[in-house]
Structure formats: structure tokens, C-alpha cells
């Protein structure tokens, strides 16, 4: 008999956990950061905030901001040979240092 699936976000808290000394909600500067269109960002999932969280397969990927949609951003990421568009909130993005 096949085990019933519990959904894609079932293992998020176990795979993406923080160091015990860095636990808790991030600072307001992470939430209020504005990103320019065409700037490069790294997708680093913030496990303490579930809203606007991208799929865990995109954790650690680098993408380009296409546009702002409300409080979130549309990010284009290369996944294998295809281009994916991900809608995610700024808590899960970090500006790439060049």
C-alpha cells in the first residue's frame, strides 16, 4: 500500500532550519528592503516566515528581478534548461554582492 502524501511544505521546517542562536523573526530591514528591476538576487528561504515562500527546490538559486507585484517580486530563475518565474516576498531574497 502506498503512503499518502502530506504536501510539498511538510518537510520545510526540518530541511530549512536556523542555527539556534539565530532563531526568531528577522529584522525589519530584511522585510522592508526594496530591490531594483534587473538586479540579481539570491533566493534564501526564511523558515520563520511561511508567507510568500518559494518552493524549496529554488533555495540557494540566483535569479533576476523582473517586476514588483504588490509586496512581492517576480524573479526569473534558471532551472536546468528552462527559465522559471517565481513570485516571492523580499524576506526570502538577498541582494547578490558583485
N, C-alpha and C. Protein backbone atom coordinates (compact mmCIF):
# COMPACT_ATOMS: atom_id res chain seq x y z
N UNK A 1 0.83 -1.17 0.00
CA UNK A 1 0.00 0.00 0.00
C UNK A 1 0.89 1.25 0.00
N UNK A 2 0.53 2.25 -0.82
CA UNK A 2 1.32 3.46 -0.98
C UNK A 2 0.95 4.46 0.12
N UNK A 3 1.96 5.06 0.71
CA UNK A 3 1.75 6.04 1.77
C UNK A 3 1.19 7.33 1.18
N UNK A 4 0.22 7.95 1.87
CA UNK A 4 -0.42 9.16 1.40
C UNK A 4 0.53 10.35 1.57
N UNK A 5 0.58 11.23 0.55
CA UNK A 5 1.44 12.41 0.60
C UNK A 5 0.89 13.41 1.61
N UNK A 6 1.81 14.14 2.25
CA UNK A 6 1.40 15.18 3.21
C UNK A 6 1.60 16.58 2.64
N UNK A 7 1.90 16.71 1.36
CA UNK A 7 2.05 18.02 0.75
C UNK A 7 3.51 18.42 0.60
N UNK A 8 3.74 19.46 -0.20
CA UNK A 8 5.12 19.85 -0.51
C UNK A 8 5.79 20.61 0.62
N UNK A 9 5.03 21.28 1.48
CA UNK A 9 5.65 22.08 2.54
C UNK A 9 5.77 21.31 3.84
N UNK A 10 5.51 20.02 3.82
CA UNK A 10 5.51 19.21 5.04
C UNK A 10 6.89 19.18 5.69
N UNK A 11 7.96 19.07 4.88
CA UNK A 11 9.30 18.92 5.42
C UNK A 11 10.08 20.24 5.50
N UNK A 12 9.43 21.36 5.22
CA UNK A 12 10.13 22.65 5.15
C UNK A 12 10.81 22.99 6.46
N UNK A 13 10.17 22.76 7.59
CA UNK A 13 10.73 23.17 8.86
C UNK A 13 11.95 22.32 9.24
N UNK A 14 12.02 21.11 8.76
CA UNK A 14 13.14 20.26 9.09
C UNK A 14 14.34 20.52 8.18
N UNK A 15 14.09 20.71 6.89
CA UNK A 15 15.19 20.90 5.95
C UNK A 15 15.80 22.29 6.06
N UNK A 16 14.95 23.29 6.24
CA UNK A 16 15.41 24.66 6.27
C UNK A 16 15.29 25.19 7.69
N UNK A 17 16.23 24.85 8.53
CA UNK A 17 16.18 25.32 9.90
C UNK A 17 17.36 26.26 10.16
N UNK A 18 17.19 27.07 11.20
CA UNK A 18 18.21 28.05 11.54
C UNK A 18 19.11 27.53 12.65
N UNK A 19 20.24 28.17 12.77
CA UNK A 19 21.10 27.90 13.91
C UNK A 19 20.36 28.38 15.17
N UNK A 20 20.46 27.65 16.28
CA UNK A 20 19.68 28.03 17.47
C UNK A 20 19.89 29.47 17.95
N UNK A 21 21.07 30.04 17.75
CA UNK A 21 21.31 31.41 18.20
C UNK A 21 20.75 32.45 17.23
N UNK A 22 20.35 32.03 16.04
CA UNK A 22 19.81 32.97 15.05
C UNK A 22 18.33 32.76 14.81
N UNK A 23 17.67 32.07 15.73
CA UNK A 23 16.25 31.79 15.57
C UNK A 23 15.41 33.04 15.80
N UNK A 24 14.16 32.98 15.34
CA UNK A 24 13.24 34.09 15.54
C UNK A 24 12.97 34.83 14.25
N UNK A 25 12.14 35.84 14.36
CA UNK A 25 11.74 36.64 13.20
C UNK A 25 12.90 37.55 12.81
N UNK A 26 13.17 37.72 11.50
CA UNK A 26 14.28 38.57 11.07
C UNK A 26 13.98 40.05 11.33
N UNK A 27 15.00 40.89 11.20
CA UNK A 27 14.85 42.32 11.45
C UNK A 27 13.99 42.96 10.36
N UNK A 28 13.48 44.15 10.67
CA UNK A 28 12.62 44.87 9.73
C UNK A 28 13.35 45.25 8.45
N UNK A 29 14.65 45.43 8.52
CA UNK A 29 15.39 45.81 7.32
C UNK A 29 15.32 44.71 6.26
N UNK A 30 15.24 43.46 6.67
CA UNK A 30 15.09 42.35 5.70
C UNK A 30 13.74 42.41 5.01
N UNK A 31 12.71 42.80 5.76
CA UNK A 31 11.34 42.83 5.22
C UNK A 31 11.13 44.05 4.33
N UNK A 32 11.71 45.18 4.70
CA UNK A 32 11.46 46.44 4.01
C UNK A 32 12.45 46.74 2.89
N UNK A 33 13.33 45.82 2.57
CA UNK A 33 14.32 46.04 1.52
C UNK A 33 13.64 46.14 0.16
N UNK A 34 14.00 47.19 -0.58
CA UNK A 34 13.47 47.38 -1.94
C UNK A 34 14.54 46.92 -2.93
N UNK A 35 14.13 46.20 -3.96
CA UNK A 35 15.05 45.72 -4.98
C UNK A 35 14.72 46.38 -6.31
N UNK A 36 15.75 46.71 -7.07
CA UNK A 36 15.58 47.32 -8.38
C UNK A 36 15.27 46.24 -9.42
N UNK A 37 14.54 46.62 -10.46
CA UNK A 37 14.28 45.71 -11.58
C UNK A 37 15.61 45.45 -12.28
N UNK A 38 15.82 44.24 -12.73
CA UNK A 38 17.04 43.75 -13.40
C UNK A 38 18.22 43.57 -12.45
N UNK A 39 18.00 43.61 -11.14
CA UNK A 39 19.10 43.34 -10.21
C UNK A 39 19.11 41.85 -9.88
N UNK A 40 20.31 41.33 -9.58
CA UNK A 40 20.46 39.91 -9.26
C UNK A 40 20.25 39.69 -7.78
N UNK A 41 19.50 38.63 -7.44
CA UNK A 41 19.23 38.29 -6.04
C UNK A 41 19.43 36.80 -5.83
N UNK A 42 19.79 36.45 -4.60
CA UNK A 42 19.87 35.06 -4.21
C UNK A 42 18.59 34.71 -3.46
N UNK A 43 18.05 33.53 -3.72
CA UNK A 43 16.85 33.07 -3.03
C UNK A 43 17.30 32.24 -1.83
N UNK A 44 17.14 32.80 -0.64
CA UNK A 44 17.46 32.13 0.60
C UNK A 44 16.18 32.10 1.42
N UNK A 45 15.57 30.94 1.57
CA UNK A 45 14.27 30.84 2.23
C UNK A 45 14.43 31.12 3.72
N UNK A 46 13.55 31.98 4.22
CA UNK A 46 13.49 32.31 5.64
C UNK A 46 12.43 31.41 6.28
N UNK A 47 12.83 30.39 7.05
CA UNK A 47 11.86 29.42 7.54
C UNK A 47 10.89 29.96 8.59
N UNK A 48 11.21 31.09 9.23
CA UNK A 48 10.31 31.61 10.24
C UNK A 48 9.13 32.36 9.63
N UNK A 49 9.18 32.64 8.32
CA UNK A 49 8.07 33.32 7.63
C UNK A 49 7.62 32.42 6.49
N UNK A 50 6.38 31.91 6.60
CA UNK A 50 5.88 30.99 5.59
C UNK A 50 5.21 31.71 4.43
N UNK A 51 4.75 32.93 4.65
CA UNK A 51 4.03 33.65 3.61
C UNK A 51 4.98 34.05 2.49
N UNK A 52 4.59 33.80 1.25
CA UNK A 52 5.41 34.18 0.11
C UNK A 52 6.66 33.36 -0.06
N UNK A 53 6.66 32.15 0.51
CA UNK A 53 7.85 31.30 0.46
C UNK A 53 7.90 30.56 -0.88
N UNK A 54 9.04 30.63 -1.59
CA UNK A 54 9.14 29.85 -2.84
C UNK A 54 9.32 28.37 -2.53
N UNK A 55 9.20 27.54 -3.55
CA UNK A 55 9.39 26.11 -3.37
C UNK A 55 10.83 25.85 -2.96
N UNK A 56 11.04 24.84 -2.16
CA UNK A 56 12.38 24.60 -1.60
C UNK A 56 13.40 24.18 -2.65
N UNK A 57 12.96 23.80 -3.85
CA UNK A 57 13.93 23.46 -4.90
C UNK A 57 14.69 24.69 -5.38
N UNK A 58 14.15 25.89 -5.12
CA UNK A 58 14.80 27.12 -5.56
C UNK A 58 15.70 27.73 -4.47
N UNK A 59 15.81 27.08 -3.32
CA UNK A 59 16.66 27.59 -2.24
C UNK A 59 18.12 27.59 -2.67
N UNK A 60 18.77 28.73 -2.57
CA UNK A 60 20.17 28.86 -2.95
C UNK A 60 20.39 29.26 -4.40
N UNK A 61 19.33 29.38 -5.18
CA UNK A 61 19.47 29.76 -6.59
C UNK A 61 19.60 31.28 -6.72
N UNK A 62 20.14 31.71 -7.84
CA UNK A 62 20.28 33.12 -8.15
C UNK A 62 19.35 33.46 -9.30
N UNK A 63 18.67 34.58 -9.17
CA UNK A 63 17.74 35.00 -10.21
C UNK A 63 17.80 36.49 -10.45
N UNK A 64 16.97 36.95 -11.41
CA UNK A 64 16.91 38.36 -11.79
C UNK A 64 15.50 38.87 -11.49
N UNK A 65 15.41 40.04 -10.87
CA UNK A 65 14.11 40.65 -10.57
C UNK A 65 13.50 41.14 -11.88
N UNK A 66 12.28 40.68 -12.19
CA UNK A 66 11.59 41.13 -13.39
C UNK A 66 10.66 42.30 -13.10
N UNK A 67 9.90 42.21 -12.00
CA UNK A 67 8.98 43.28 -11.64
C UNK A 67 8.54 43.12 -10.20
N UNK A 68 7.88 44.15 -9.69
CA UNK A 68 7.32 44.10 -8.35
C UNK A 68 5.82 43.87 -8.48
N UNK A 69 5.29 42.95 -7.68
CA UNK A 69 3.86 42.65 -7.68
C UNK A 69 3.33 42.80 -6.27
N UNK A 70 2.74 43.94 -5.97
CA UNK A 70 2.26 44.20 -4.63
C UNK A 70 3.42 44.26 -3.67
N UNK A 71 3.42 43.40 -2.65
CA UNK A 71 4.53 43.35 -1.72
C UNK A 71 5.61 42.37 -2.17
N UNK A 72 5.32 41.58 -3.19
CA UNK A 72 6.23 40.52 -3.63
C UNK A 72 6.98 40.94 -4.90
N UNK A 73 7.92 40.08 -5.30
CA UNK A 73 8.71 40.30 -6.51
C UNK A 73 8.59 39.09 -7.43
N UNK A 74 8.63 39.37 -8.72
CA UNK A 74 8.68 38.30 -9.72
C UNK A 74 10.14 38.10 -10.10
N UNK A 75 10.66 36.90 -9.84
CA UNK A 75 12.07 36.59 -10.05
C UNK A 75 12.18 35.50 -11.11
N UNK A 76 13.08 35.70 -12.07
CA UNK A 76 13.32 34.70 -13.10
C UNK A 76 14.56 33.89 -12.73
N UNK A 77 14.39 32.56 -12.69
CA UNK A 77 15.45 31.66 -12.25
C UNK A 77 15.66 30.62 -13.34
N UNK A 78 16.92 30.23 -13.56
CA UNK A 78 17.22 29.14 -14.47
C UNK A 78 17.15 27.83 -13.71
N UNK A 79 16.28 26.93 -14.17
CA UNK A 79 16.12 25.63 -13.53
C UNK A 79 16.40 24.57 -14.60
N UNK A 80 17.63 24.06 -14.62
CA UNK A 80 18.01 23.13 -15.68
C UNK A 80 18.18 23.90 -16.97
N UNK A 81 17.41 23.52 -18.00
CA UNK A 81 17.47 24.21 -19.28
C UNK A 81 16.33 25.19 -19.47
N UNK A 82 15.46 25.35 -18.49
CA UNK A 82 14.30 26.20 -18.65
C UNK A 82 14.35 27.39 -17.70
N UNK A 83 13.64 28.44 -18.05
CA UNK A 83 13.53 29.63 -17.22
C UNK A 83 12.21 29.57 -16.46
N UNK A 84 12.28 29.74 -15.14
CA UNK A 84 11.07 29.72 -14.30
C UNK A 84 10.86 31.10 -13.73
N UNK A 85 9.60 31.48 -13.57
CA UNK A 85 9.26 32.75 -12.93
C UNK A 85 8.66 32.43 -11.57
N UNK A 86 9.24 33.02 -10.51
CA UNK A 86 8.84 32.73 -9.14
C UNK A 86 8.36 34.02 -8.50
N UNK A 87 7.21 33.96 -7.86
CA UNK A 87 6.73 35.10 -7.08
C UNK A 87 7.08 34.84 -5.63
N UNK A 88 7.87 35.74 -5.04
CA UNK A 88 8.30 35.56 -3.67
C UNK A 88 8.42 36.91 -2.98
N UNK A 89 8.34 36.89 -1.68
CA UNK A 89 8.42 38.11 -0.90
C UNK A 89 9.88 38.44 -0.55
N UNK A 90 10.16 39.72 -0.20
CA UNK A 90 11.55 40.13 -0.01
C UNK A 90 12.26 39.47 1.18
N UNK A 91 11.51 38.88 2.12
CA UNK A 91 12.16 38.20 3.24
C UNK A 91 12.99 37.02 2.77
N UNK A 92 12.63 36.45 1.62
CA UNK A 92 13.30 35.26 1.10
C UNK A 92 14.34 35.60 0.03
N UNK A 93 14.64 36.88 -0.14
CA UNK A 93 15.61 37.33 -1.14
C UNK A 93 16.77 38.05 -0.46
N UNK A 94 17.94 37.96 -1.07
CA UNK A 94 19.11 38.72 -0.61
C UNK A 94 19.83 39.24 -1.84
N UNK A 95 20.24 40.49 -1.80
CA UNK A 95 20.96 41.09 -2.93
C UNK A 95 22.28 40.37 -3.12
N UNK A 96 22.61 40.08 -4.36
CA UNK A 96 23.86 39.39 -4.65
C UNK A 96 24.98 40.40 -4.67
N UNK A 97 26.03 40.14 -3.91
CA UNK A 97 27.19 41.04 -3.91
C UNK A 97 28.06 40.72 -5.11
N UNK A 98 28.37 41.74 -5.86
CA UNK A 98 29.15 41.52 -7.09
C UNK A 98 30.55 42.03 -6.95
